Amino acid sequence: MKIFKLSDMVGNWFVGSFSPTAHPANFEVSYKVHKKDEVCPAHFHKRATEVNLLVRGKMSVNKEVVNAGEIFIIEPYMVAEVEFFEDSELVVVKTVSDTKDKYLI
């Protein structure tokens, strides 16, 4: 058995084709923590589909409210504009592991 610390992972991404990682793979997995009133810069991916589970909190994605326990999917080329209304926790899975596949608007 191997044990890793999430705090050692860059941006809490712990599965993917980057370093450090707990498990190298052609996809990516992260556990994200965001603070109330945080706004993420608008961005999109050309290759990856992003599957997100909001574990705790409340947020909006493209002005649509997402609540804890809901899953939302961002397809390639879909711009994501994100705002957090409460302290929030997400599990994020990207179908392609490519650290260069993020384009800010």
PDB file of N, CA and C in Angstrom:
ATOM      1  N   MET A   1       0.851  -1.182   0.000  1.00  0.00           N
ATOM      2  CA  MET A   1       0.000   0.000   0.000  1.00  0.00           C
ATOM      3  C   MET A   1       0.890   1.236   0.000  1.00  0.00           C
ATOM      4  N   LYS A   2       0.460   2.251  -0.755  1.00  0.00           N
ATOM      5  CA  LYS A   2       1.139   3.534  -0.773  1.00  0.00           C
ATOM      6  C   LYS A   2       0.215   4.557  -0.132  1.00  0.00           C
ATOM      7  N   ILE A   3       0.785   5.515   0.564  1.00  0.00           N
ATOM      8  CA  ILE A   3       0.006   6.597   1.165  1.00  0.00           C
ATOM      9  C   ILE A   3       0.607   7.920   0.718  1.00  0.00           C
ATOM     10  N   PHE A   4      -0.259   8.835   0.285  1.00  0.00           N
ATOM     11  CA  PHE A   4       0.160  10.152  -0.168  1.00  0.00           C
ATOM     12  C   PHE A   4      -0.583  11.209   0.632  1.00  0.00           C
ATOM     13  N   LYS A   5      -0.049  12.397   0.682  1.00  0.00           N
ATOM     14  CA  LYS A   5      -0.726  13.522   1.323  1.00  0.00           C
ATOM     15  C   LYS A   5      -1.306  14.425   0.249  1.00  0.00           C
ATOM     16  N   LEU A   6      -2.578  14.732   0.385  1.00  0.00           N
ATOM     17  CA  LEU A   6      -3.221  15.631  -0.562  1.00  0.00           C
ATOM     18  C   LEU A   6      -2.497  16.971  -0.597  1.00  0.00           C
ATOM     19  N   SER A   7      -1.982  17.400   0.531  1.00  0.00           N
ATOM     20  CA  SER A   7      -1.279  18.687   0.607  1.00  0.00           C
ATOM     21  C   SER A   7      -0.004  18.694  -0.238  1.00  0.00           C
ATOM     22  N   ASP A   8       0.501  17.525  -0.630  1.00  0.00           N
ATOM     23  CA  ASP A   8       1.690  17.452  -1.489  1.00  0.00           C
ATOM     24  C   ASP A   8       1.339  17.568  -2.969  1.00  0.00           C
ATOM     25  N   MET A   9       0.063  17.461  -3.298  1.00  0.00           N
ATOM     26  CA  MET A   9      -0.369  17.486  -4.690  1.00  0.00           C
ATOM     27  C   MET A   9      -0.615  18.935  -5.138  1.00  0.00           C
ATOM     28  N   VAL A  10      -0.234  19.267  -6.348  1.00  0.00           N
ATOM     29  CA  VAL A  10      -0.404  20.622  -6.865  1.00  0.00           C
ATOM     30  C   VAL A  10      -1.877  20.849  -7.186  1.00  0.00           C
ATOM     31  N   GLY A  11      -2.474  21.857  -6.546  1.00  0.00           N
ATOM     32  CA  GLY A  11      -3.878  22.174  -6.780  1.00  0.00           C
ATOM     33  C   GLY A  11      -4.830  21.065  -6.382  1.00  0.00           C
ATOM     34  N   ASN A  12      -4.376  20.154  -5.534  1.00  0.00           N
ATOM     35  CA  ASN A  12      -5.152  18.996  -5.082  1.00  0.00           C
ATOM     36  C   ASN A  12      -5.469  18.001  -6.207  1.00  0.00           C
ATOM     37  N   TRP A  13      -4.779  18.104  -7.335  1.00  0.00           N
ATOM     38  CA  TRP A  13      -4.918  17.096  -8.394  1.00  0.00           C
ATOM     39  C   TRP A  13      -4.071  15.905  -7.999  1.00  0.00           C
ATOM     40  N   PHE A  14      -4.694  14.723  -7.824  1.00  0.00           N
ATOM     41  CA  PHE A  14      -3.955  13.578  -7.315  1.00  0.00           C
ATOM     42  C   PHE A  14      -3.915  12.367  -8.234  1.00  0.00           C
ATOM     43  N   VAL A  15      -4.631  12.399  -9.363  1.00  0.00           N
ATOM     44  CA  VAL A  15      -4.528  11.372 -10.394  1.00  0.00           C
ATOM     45  C   VAL A  15      -4.332  12.078 -11.718  1.00  0.00           C
ATOM     46  N   GLY A  16      -3.352  11.644 -12.504  1.00  0.00           N
ATOM     47  CA  GLY A  16      -3.137  12.245 -13.819  1.00  0.00           C
ATOM     48  C   GLY A  16      -1.715  12.067 -14.302  1.00  0.00           C
ATOM     49  N   SER A  17      -1.445  12.601 -15.481  1.00  0.00           N
ATOM     50  CA  SER A  17      -0.116  12.472 -16.093  1.00  0.00           C
ATOM     51  C   SER A  17       0.703  13.724 -15.805  1.00  0.00           C
ATOM     52  N   PHE A  18       0.998  13.951 -14.531  1.00  0.00           N
ATOM     53  CA  PHE A  18       1.786  15.086 -14.081  1.00  0.00           C
ATOM     54  C   PHE A  18       2.509  14.664 -12.807  1.00  0.00           C
ATOM     55  N   SER A  19       3.320  15.552 -12.292  1.00  0.00           N
ATOM     56  CA  SER A  19       4.062  15.235 -11.082  1.00  0.00           C
ATOM     57  C   SER A  19       3.987  16.415 -10.118  1.00  0.00           C
ATOM     58  N   PRO A  20       3.760  16.149  -8.851  1.00  0.00           N
ATOM     59  CA  PRO A  20       3.559  14.833  -8.245  1.00  0.00           C
ATOM     60  C   PRO A  20       2.151  14.307  -8.517  1.00  0.00           C
ATOM     61  N   THR A  21       1.997  13.019  -8.421  1.00  0.00           N
ATOM     62  CA  THR A  21       0.691  12.382  -8.530  1.00  0.00           C
ATOM     63  C   THR A  21       0.670  11.129  -7.664  1.00  0.00           C
ATOM     64  N   ALA A  22      -0.478  10.777  -7.152  1.00  0.00           N
ATOM     65  CA  ALA A  22      -0.620   9.531  -6.411  1.00  0.00           C
ATOM     66  C   ALA A  22      -0.747   8.354  -7.374  1.00  0.00           C
ATOM     67  N   HIS A  23      -1.285   8.649  -8.582  1.00  0.00           N
ATOM     68  CA  HIS A  23      -1.473   7.580  -9.568  1.00  0.00           C
ATOM     69  C   HIS A  23      -1.407   8.178 -10.972  1.00  0.00           C
ATOM     70  N   PRO A  24      -0.408   7.801 -11.768  1.00  0.00           N
ATOM     71  CA  PRO A  24      -0.350   8.286 -13.145  1.00  0.00           C
ATOM     72  C   PRO A  24      -1.474   7.674 -13.990  1.00  0.00           C
ATOM     73  N   ALA A  25      -2.108   8.521 -14.803  1.00  0.00           N
ATOM     74  CA  ALA A  25      -3.222   8.048 -15.629  1.00  0.00           C
ATOM     75  C   ALA A  25      -3.451   9.016 -16.783  1.00  0.00           C
ATOM     76  N   ASN A  26      -4.268   8.587 -17.759  1.00  0.00           N
ATOM     77  CA  ASN A  26      -4.645   9.426 -18.897  1.00  0.00           C
ATOM     78  C   ASN A  26      -5.867  10.284 -18.604  1.00  0.00           C
ATOM     79  N   PHE A  27      -6.293  10.334 -17.369  1.00  0.00           N
ATOM     80  CA  PHE A  27      -7.384  11.195 -16.931  1.00  0.00           C
ATOM     81  C   PHE A  27      -6.926  11.871 -15.649  1.00  0.00           C
ATOM     82  N   GLU A  28      -7.705  12.807 -15.125  1.00  0.00           N
ATOM     83  CA  GLU A  28      -7.314  13.545 -13.929  1.00  0.00           C
ATOM     84  C   GLU A  28      -8.428  13.529 -12.889  1.00  0.00           C
ATOM     85  N   VAL A  29      -8.026  13.516 -11.610  1.00  0.00           N
ATOM     86  CA  VAL A  29      -8.975  13.594 -10.506  1.00  0.00           C
ATOM     87  C   VAL A  29      -8.420  14.583  -9.488  1.00  0.00           C
ATOM     88  N   SER A  30      -9.319  15.433  -8.969  1.00  0.00           N
ATOM     89  CA  SER A  30      -8.930  16.422  -7.968  1.00  0.00           C
ATOM     90  C   SER A  30     -10.021  16.569  -6.921  1.00  0.00           C
ATOM     91  N   TYR A  31      -9.594  16.983  -5.739  1.00  0.00           N
ATOM     92  CA  TYR A  31     -10.505  17.363  -4.664  1.00  0.00           C
ATOM     93  C   TYR A  31     -10.286  18.855  -4.445  1.00  0.00           C
ATOM     94  N   LYS A  32     -11.250  19.664  -4.836  1.00  0.00           N
ATOM     95  CA  LYS A  32     -11.109  21.117  -4.804  1.00  0.00           C
ATOM     96  C   LYS A  32     -11.860  21.715  -3.623  1.00  0.00           C
ATOM     97  N   VAL A  33     -11.243  22.702  -3.001  1.00  0.00           N
ATOM     98  CA  VAL A  33     -11.848  23.451  -1.901  1.00  0.00           C
ATOM     99  C   VAL A  33     -11.836  24.925  -2.296  1.00  0.00           C
ATOM    100  N   HIS A  34     -13.005  25.558  -2.238  1.00  0.00           N
ATOM    101  CA  HIS A  34     -13.134  26.968  -2.612  1.00  0.00           C
ATOM    102  C   HIS A  34     -13.849  27.725  -1.500  1.00  0.00           C
ATOM    103  N   LYS A  35     -13.475  28.966  -1.314  1.00  0.00           N
ATOM    104  CA  LYS A  35     -14.050  29.826  -0.279  1.00  0.00           C
ATOM    105  C   LYS A  35     -15.263  30.593  -0.807  1.00  0.00           C
ATOM    106  N   LYS A  36     -16.148  30.934   0.102  1.00  0.00           N
ATOM    107  CA  LYS A  36     -17.309  31.764  -0.218  1.00  0.00           C
ATOM    108  C   LYS A  36     -16.823  33.039  -0.909  1.00  0.00           C
ATOM    109  N   ASP A  37     -17.544  33.463  -1.928  1.00  0.00           N
ATOM    110  CA  ASP A  37     -17.285  34.659  -2.727  1.00  0.00           C
ATOM    111  C   ASP A  37     -16.096  34.516  -3.686  1.00  0.00           C
ATOM    112  N   GLU A  38     -15.473  33.346  -3.749  1.00  0.00           N
ATOM    113  CA  GLU A  38     -14.392  33.133  -4.721  1.00  0.00           C
ATOM    114  C   GLU A  38     -14.988  33.078  -6.120  1.00  0.00           C
ATOM    115  N   VAL A  39     -14.274  33.651  -7.066  1.00  0.00           N
ATOM    116  CA  VAL A  39     -14.668  33.626  -8.469  1.00  0.00           C
ATOM    117  C   VAL A  39     -13.506  33.042  -9.251  1.00  0.00           C
ATOM    118  N   CYS A  40     -13.764  32.042 -10.055  1.00  0.00           N
ATOM    119  CA  CYS A  40     -12.717  31.451 -10.890  1.00  0.00           C
ATOM    120  C   CYS A  40     -12.728  32.137 -12.254  1.00  0.00           C
ATOM    121  N   PRO A  41     -11.562  32.389 -12.813  1.00  0.00           N
ATOM    122  CA  PRO A  41     -11.530  33.033 -14.130  1.00  0.00           C
ATOM    123  C   PRO A  41     -12.238  32.180 -15.184  1.00  0.00           C
ATOM    124  N   ALA A  42     -12.977  32.823 -16.063  1.00  0.00           N
ATOM    125  CA  ALA A  42     -13.669  32.117 -17.141  1.00  0.00           C
ATOM    126  C   ALA A  42     -12.628  31.374 -17.984  1.00  0.00           C
ATOM    127  N   HIS A  43     -12.938  30.114 -18.286  1.00  0.00           N
ATOM    128  CA  HIS A  43     -11.997  29.300 -19.054  1.00  0.00           C
ATOM    129  C   HIS A  43     -12.750  28.178 -19.767  1.00  0.00           C
ATOM    130  N   PHE A  44     -12.026  27.500 -20.662  1.00  0.00           N
ATOM    131  CA  PHE A  44     -12.576  26.319 -21.332  1.00  0.00           C
ATOM    132  C   PHE A  44     -11.440  25.341 -21.607  1.00  0.00           C
ATOM    133  N   HIS A  45     -11.817  24.127 -21.971  1.00  0.00           N
ATOM    134  CA  HIS A  45     -10.867  23.090 -22.366  1.00  0.00           C
ATOM    135  C   HIS A  45     -11.200  22.676 -23.788  1.00  0.00           C
ATOM    136  N   LYS A  46     -10.187  22.418 -24.582  1.00  0.00           N
ATOM    137  CA  LYS A  46     -10.416  21.969 -25.955  1.00  0.00           C
ATOM    138  C   LYS A  46     -10.571  20.451 -26.044  1.00  0.00           C
ATOM    139  N   ARG A  47      -9.896  19.717 -25.146  1.00  0.00           N
ATOM    140  CA  ARG A  47      -9.871  18.256 -25.238  1.00  0.00           C
ATOM    141  C   ARG A  47     -10.717  17.565 -24.178  1.00  0.00           C
ATOM    142  N   ALA A  48     -10.669  18.066 -22.971  1.00  0.00           N
ATOM    143  CA  ALA A  48     -11.240  17.333 -21.837  1.00  0.00           C
ATOM    144  C   ALA A  48     -12.695  17.690 -21.573  1.00  0.00           C
ATOM    145  N   THR A  49     -13.446  16.674 -21.204  1.00  0.00           N
ATOM    146  CA  THR A  49     -14.745  16.870 -20.576  1.00  0.00           C
ATOM    147  C   THR A  49     -14.486  16.848 -19.076  1.00  0.00           C
ATOM    148  N   GLU A  50     -15.127  17.755 -18.353  1.00  0.00           N
ATOM    149  CA  GLU A  50     -14.923  17.864 -16.909  1.00  0.00           C
ATOM    150  C   GLU A  50     -16.213  17.477 -16.206  1.00  0.00           C
ATOM    151  N   VAL A  51     -16.133  16.439 -15.366  1.00  0.00           N
ATOM    152  CA  VAL A  51     -17.276  15.970 -14.588  1.00  0.00           C
ATOM    153  C   VAL A  51     -17.044  16.407 -13.148  1.00  0.00           C
ATOM    154  N   ASN A  52     -17.985  17.153 -12.590  1.00  0.00           N
ATOM    155  CA  ASN A  52     -17.829  17.762 -11.271  1.00  0.00           C
ATOM    156  C   ASN A  52     -18.957  17.339 -10.346  1.00  0.00           C
ATOM    157  N   LEU A  53     -18.595  16.940  -9.138  1.00  0.00           N
ATOM    158  CA  LEU A  53     -19.557  16.642  -8.081  1.00  0.00           C
ATOM    159  C   LEU A  53     -19.363  17.686  -6.991  1.00  0.00           C
ATOM    160  N   LEU A  54     -20.393  18.488  -6.722  1.00  0.00           N
ATOM    161  CA  LEU A  54     -20.336  19.444  -5.618  1.00  0.00           C
ATOM    162  C   LEU A  54     -20.704  18.673  -4.352  1.00  0.00           C
ATOM    163  N   VAL A  55     -19.700  18.396  -3.540  1.00  0.00           N
ATOM    164  CA  VAL A  55     -19.883  17.598  -2.329  1.00  0.00           C
ATOM    165  C   VAL A  55     -20.517  18.432  -1.228  1.00  0.00           C
ATOM    166  N   ARG A  56     -20.039  19.676  -1.091  1.00  0.00           N
ATOM    167  CA  ARG A  56     -20.532  20.567  -0.040  1.00  0.00           C
ATOM    168  C   ARG A  56     -20.523  21.984  -0.577  1.00  0.00           C
ATOM    169  N   GLY A  57     -21.537  22.775  -0.218  1.00  0.00           N
ATOM    170  CA  GLY A  57     -21.567  24.185  -0.586  1.00  0.00           C
ATOM    171  C   GLY A  57     -22.638  24.518  -1.610  1.00  0.00           C
ATOM    172  N   LYS A  58     -22.481  25.719  -2.174  1.00  0.00           N
ATOM    173  CA  LYS A  58     -23.407  26.228  -3.184  1.00  0.00           C
ATOM    174  C   LYS A  58     -22.619  27.143  -4.099  1.00  0.00           C
ATOM    175  N   MET A  59     -22.873  27.032  -5.398  1.00  0.00           N
ATOM    176  CA  MET A  59     -22.102  27.783  -6.378  1.00  0.00           C
ATOM    177  C   MET A  59     -22.954  28.047  -7.606  1.00  0.00           C
ATOM    178  N   SER A  60     -22.414  28.837  -8.530  1.00  0.00           N
ATOM    179  CA  SER A  60     -23.055  28.967  -9.830  1.00  0.00           C
ATOM    180  C   SER A  60     -22.027  28.665 -10.906  1.00  0.00           C
ATOM    181  N   VAL A  61     -22.512  28.048 -11.961  1.00  0.00           N
ATOM    182  CA  VAL A  61     -21.714  27.779 -13.150  1.00  0.00           C
ATOM    183  C   VAL A  61     -22.494  28.354 -14.316  1.00  0.00           C
ATOM    184  N   ASN A  62     -21.897  29.326 -14.978  1.00  0.00           N
ATOM    185  CA  ASN A  62     -22.572  30.007 -16.094  1.00  0.00           C
ATOM    186  C   ASN A  62     -23.943  30.530 -15.665  1.00  0.00           C
ATOM    187  N   LYS A  63     -23.962  31.093 -14.470  1.00  0.00           N
ATOM    188  CA  LYS A  63     -25.131  31.738 -13.873  1.00  0.00           C
ATOM    189  C   LYS A  63     -26.240  30.765 -13.457  1.00  0.00           C
ATOM    190  N   GLU A  64     -25.975  29.456 -13.531  1.00  0.00           N
ATOM    191  CA  GLU A  64     -26.937  28.450 -13.066  1.00  0.00           C
ATOM    192  C   GLU A  64     -26.491  27.943 -11.702  1.00  0.00           C
ATOM    193  N   VAL A  65     -27.391  27.950 -10.733  1.00  0.00           N
ATOM    194  CA  VAL A  65     -27.060  27.552  -9.366  1.00  0.00           C
ATOM    195  C   VAL A  65     -26.879  26.037  -9.292  1.00  0.00           C
ATOM    196  N   VAL A  66     -25.812  25.631  -8.591  1.00  0.00           N
ATOM    197  CA  VAL A  66     -25.517  24.221  -8.343  1.00  0.00           C
ATOM    198  C   VAL A  66     -25.459  24.036  -6.830  1.00  0.00           C
ATOM    199  N   ASN A  67     -26.150  23.019  -6.323  1.00  0.00           N
ATOM    200  CA  ASN A  67     -26.219  22.741  -4.890  1.00  0.00           C
ATOM    201  C   ASN A  67     -25.463  21.466  -4.549  1.00  0.00           C
ATOM    202  N   ALA A  68     -25.126  21.315  -3.279  1.00  0.00           N
ATOM    203  CA  ALA A  68     -24.438  20.111  -2.798  1.00  0.00           C
ATOM    204  C   ALA A  68     -25.192  18.864  -3.247  1.00  0.00           C
ATOM    205  N   GLY A  69     -24.445  17.862  -3.682  1.00  0.00           N
ATOM    206  CA  GLY A  69     -25.034  16.616  -4.146  1.00  0.00           C
ATOM    207  C   GLY A  69     -25.354  16.606  -5.627  1.00  0.00           C
ATOM    208  N   GLU A  70     -25.118  17.720  -6.316  1.00  0.00           N
ATOM    209  CA  GLU A  70     -25.401  17.780  -7.747  1.00  0.00           C
ATOM    210  C   GLU A  70     -24.108  17.617  -8.552  1.00  0.00           C
ATOM    211  N   ILE A  71     -24.269  17.037  -9.724  1.00  0.00           N
ATOM    212  CA  ILE A  71     -23.167  16.788 -10.652  1.00  0.00           C
ATOM    213  C   ILE A  71     -23.403  17.659 -11.873  1.00  0.00           C
ATOM    214  N   PHE A  72     -22.349  18.337 -12.317  1.00  0.00           N
ATOM    215  CA  PHE A  72     -22.457  19.107 -13.557  1.00  0.00           C
ATOM    216  C   PHE A  72     -21.277  18.767 -14.450  1.00  0.00           C
ATOM    217  N   ILE A  73     -21.520  18.815 -15.749  1.00  0.00           N
ATOM    218  CA  ILE A  73     -20.519  18.416 -16.736  1.00  0.00           C
ATOM    219  C   ILE A  73     -20.245  19.590 -17.665  1.00  0.00           C
ATOM    220  N   ILE A  74     -18.957  19.866 -17.850  1.00  0.00           N
ATOM    221  CA  ILE A  74     -18.513  20.905 -18.770  1.00  0.00           C
ATOM    222  C   ILE A  74     -17.865  20.201 -19.963  1.00  0.00           C
ATOM    223  N   GLU A  75     -18.466  20.353 -21.130  1.00  0.00           N
ATOM    224  CA  GLU A  75     -17.968  19.716 -22.354  1.00  0.00           C
ATOM    225  C   GLU A  75     -16.844  20.547 -22.965  1.00  0.00           C
ATOM    226  N   PRO A  76     -16.028  19.943 -23.844  1.00  0.00           N
ATOM    227  CA  PRO A  76     -14.987  20.713 -24.524  1.00  0.00           C
ATOM    228  C   PRO A  76     -15.566  21.959 -25.215  1.00  0.00           C
ATOM    229  N   TYR A  77     -14.821  23.033 -25.146  1.00  0.00           N
ATOM    230  CA  TYR A  77     -15.134  24.342 -25.733  1.00  0.00           C
ATOM    231  C   TYR A  77     -16.253  25.088 -25.010  1.00  0.00           C
ATOM    232  N   MET A  78     -16.856  24.497 -23.994  1.00  0.00           N
ATOM    233  CA  MET A  78     -17.871  25.198 -23.215  1.00  0.00           C
ATOM    234  C   MET A  78     -17.149  26.083 -22.200  1.00  0.00           C
ATOM    235  N   VAL A  79     -17.414  27.367 -22.242  1.00  0.00           N
ATOM    236  CA  VAL A  79     -16.794  28.294 -21.299  1.00  0.00           C
ATOM    237  C   VAL A  79     -17.439  28.100 -19.928  1.00  0.00           C
ATOM    238  N   ALA A  80     -16.610  28.028 -18.894  1.00  0.00           N
ATOM    239  CA  ALA A  80     -17.094  27.891 -17.519  1.00  0.00           C
ATOM    240  C   ALA A  80     -16.795  29.180 -16.763  1.00  0.00           C
ATOM    241  N   GLU A  81     -17.865  29.811 -16.276  1.00  0.00           N
ATOM    242  CA  GLU A  81     -17.754  30.976 -15.402  1.00  0.00           C
ATOM    243  C   GLU A  81     -18.320  30.552 -14.060  1.00  0.00           C
ATOM    244  N   VAL A  82     -17.464  30.577 -13.007  1.00  0.00           N
ATOM    245  CA  VAL A  82     -17.799  29.953 -11.737  1.00  0.00           C
ATOM    246  C   VAL A  82     -17.696  30.953 -10.593  1.00  0.00           C
ATOM    247  N   GLU A  83     -18.719  30.905  -9.709  1.00  0.00           N
ATOM    248  CA  GLU A  83     -18.724  31.735  -8.503  1.00  0.00           C
ATOM    249  C   GLU A  83     -19.223  30.879  -7.342  1.00  0.00           C
ATOM    250  N   PHE A  84     -18.607  31.044  -6.176  1.00  0.00           N
ATOM    251  CA  PHE A  84     -18.971  30.249  -5.002  1.00  0.00           C
ATOM    252  C   PHE A  84     -19.745  31.113  -4.009  1.00  0.00           C
ATOM    253  N   PHE A  85     -20.953  30.667  -3.647  1.00  0.00           N
ATOM    254  CA  PHE A  85     -21.821  31.381  -2.716  1.00  0.00           C
ATOM    255  C   PHE A  85     -21.573  30.966  -1.276  1.00  0.00           C
ATOM    256  N   GLU A  86     -20.974  29.789  -1.086  1.00  0.00           N
ATOM    257  CA  GLU A  86     -20.634  29.248   0.237  1.00  0.00           C
ATOM    258  C   GLU A  86     -19.271  28.582   0.129  1.00  0.00           C
ATOM    259  N   ASP A  87     -18.606  28.344   1.253  1.00  0.00           N
ATOM    260  CA  ASP A  87     -17.422  27.494   1.232  1.00  0.00           C
ATOM    261  C   ASP A  87     -17.846  26.180   0.593  1.00  0.00           C
ATOM    262  N   SER A  88     -17.050  25.689  -0.359  1.00  0.00           N
ATOM    263  CA  SER A  88     -17.481  24.552  -1.174  1.00  0.00           C
ATOM    264  C   SER A  88     -16.361  23.546  -1.371  1.00  0.00           C
ATOM    265  N   GLU A  89     -16.763  22.296  -1.592  1.00  0.00           N
ATOM    266  CA  GLU A  89     -15.842  21.207  -1.872  1.00  0.00           C
ATOM    267  C   GLU A  89     -16.366  20.432  -3.078  1.00  0.00           C
ATOM    268  N   LEU A  90     -15.469  20.142  -4.009  1.00  0.00           N
ATOM    269  CA  LEU A  90     -15.835  19.429  -5.229  1.00  0.00           C
ATOM    270  C   LEU A  90     -14.872  18.283  -5.493  1.00  0.00           C
ATOM    271  N   VAL A  91     -15.380  17.242  -6.135  1.00  0.00           N
ATOM    272  CA  VAL A  91     -14.540  16.226  -6.746  1.00  0.00           C
ATOM    273  C   VAL A  91     -14.643  16.464  -8.246  1.00  0.00           C
ATOM    274  N   VAL A  92     -13.482  16.612  -8.893  1.00  0.00           N
ATOM    275  CA  VAL A  92     -13.429  16.938 -10.318  1.00  0.00           C
ATOM    276  C   VAL A  92     -12.709  15.814 -11.055  1.00  0.00           C
ATOM    277  N   VAL A  93     -13.318  15.334 -12.134  1.00  0.00           N
ATOM    278  CA  VAL A  93     -12.702  14.331 -12.994  1.00  0.00           C
ATOM    279  C   VAL A  93     -12.642  14.911 -14.396  1.00  0.00           C
ATOM    280  N   LYS A  94     -11.443  14.918 -14.968  1.00  0.00           N
ATOM    281  CA  LYS A  94     -11.262  15.348 -16.365  1.00  0.00           C
ATOM    282  C   LYS A  94     -10.915  14.132 -17.198  1.00  0.00           C
ATOM    283  N   THR A  95     -11.567  13.986 -18.347  1.00  0.00           N
ATOM    284  CA  THR A  95     -11.441  12.776 -19.154  1.00  0.00           C
ATOM    285  C   THR A  95     -10.101  12.654 -19.849  1.00  0.00           C
ATOM    286  N   VAL A  96      -9.345  13.746 -19.924  1.00  0.00           N
ATOM    287  CA  VAL A  96      -8.026  13.737 -20.544  1.00  0.00           C
ATOM    288  C   VAL A  96      -7.061  14.419 -19.588  1.00  0.00           C
ATOM    289  N   SER A  97      -5.893  13.827 -19.402  1.00  0.00           N
ATOM    290  CA  SER A  97      -4.881  14.466 -18.559  1.00  0.00           C
ATOM    291  C   SER A  97      -3.931  15.254 -19.454  1.00  0.00           C
ATOM    292  N   ASP A  98      -4.136  16.555 -19.480  1.00  0.00           N
ATOM    293  CA  ASP A  98      -3.316  17.450 -20.306  1.00  0.00           C
ATOM    294  C   ASP A  98      -3.228  18.791 -19.590  1.00  0.00           C
ATOM    295  N   THR A  99      -2.109  19.060 -18.937  1.00  0.00           N
ATOM    296  CA  THR A  99      -1.957  20.285 -18.154  1.00  0.00           C
ATOM    297  C   THR A  99      -1.975  21.545 -19.006  1.00  0.00           C
ATOM    298  N   LYS A 100      -1.866  21.408 -20.312  1.00  0.00           N
ATOM    299  CA  LYS A 100      -1.900  22.574 -21.215  1.00  0.00           C
ATOM    300  C   LYS A 100      -3.293  22.823 -21.794  1.00  0.00           C
ATOM    301  N   ASP A 101      -4.270  22.008 -21.399  1.00  0.00           N
ATOM    302  CA  ASP A 101      -5.631  22.111 -21.953  1.00  0.00           C
ATOM    303  C   ASP A 101      -6.535  22.971 -21.077  1.00  0.00           C
ATOM    304  N   LYS A 102      -6.097  24.201 -20.807  1.00  0.00           N
ATOM    305  CA  LYS A 102      -6.922  25.175 -20.096  1.00  0.00           C
ATOM    306  C   LYS A 102      -6.679  26.527 -20.732  1.00  0.00           C
ATOM    307  N   TYR A 103      -7.768  27.154 -21.189  1.00  0.00           N
ATOM    308  CA  TYR A 103      -7.661  28.398 -21.929  1.00  0.00           C
ATOM    309  C   TYR A 103      -8.490  29.465 -21.233  1.00  0.00           C
ATOM    310  N   LEU A 104      -7.823  30.485 -20.714  1.00  0.00           N
ATOM    311  CA  LEU A 104      -8.506  31.577 -20.042  1.00  0.00           C
ATOM    312  C   LEU A 104      -9.144  32.506 -21.052  1.00  0.00           C
ATOM    313  N   ILE A 105     -10.288  33.046 -20.701  1.00  0.00           N
ATOM    314  CA  ILE A 105     -11.005  33.976 -21.573  1.00  0.00           C
ATOM    315  C   ILE A 105     -10.563  35.388 -21.259  1.00  0.00           C
TER     316      ILE A 105
END
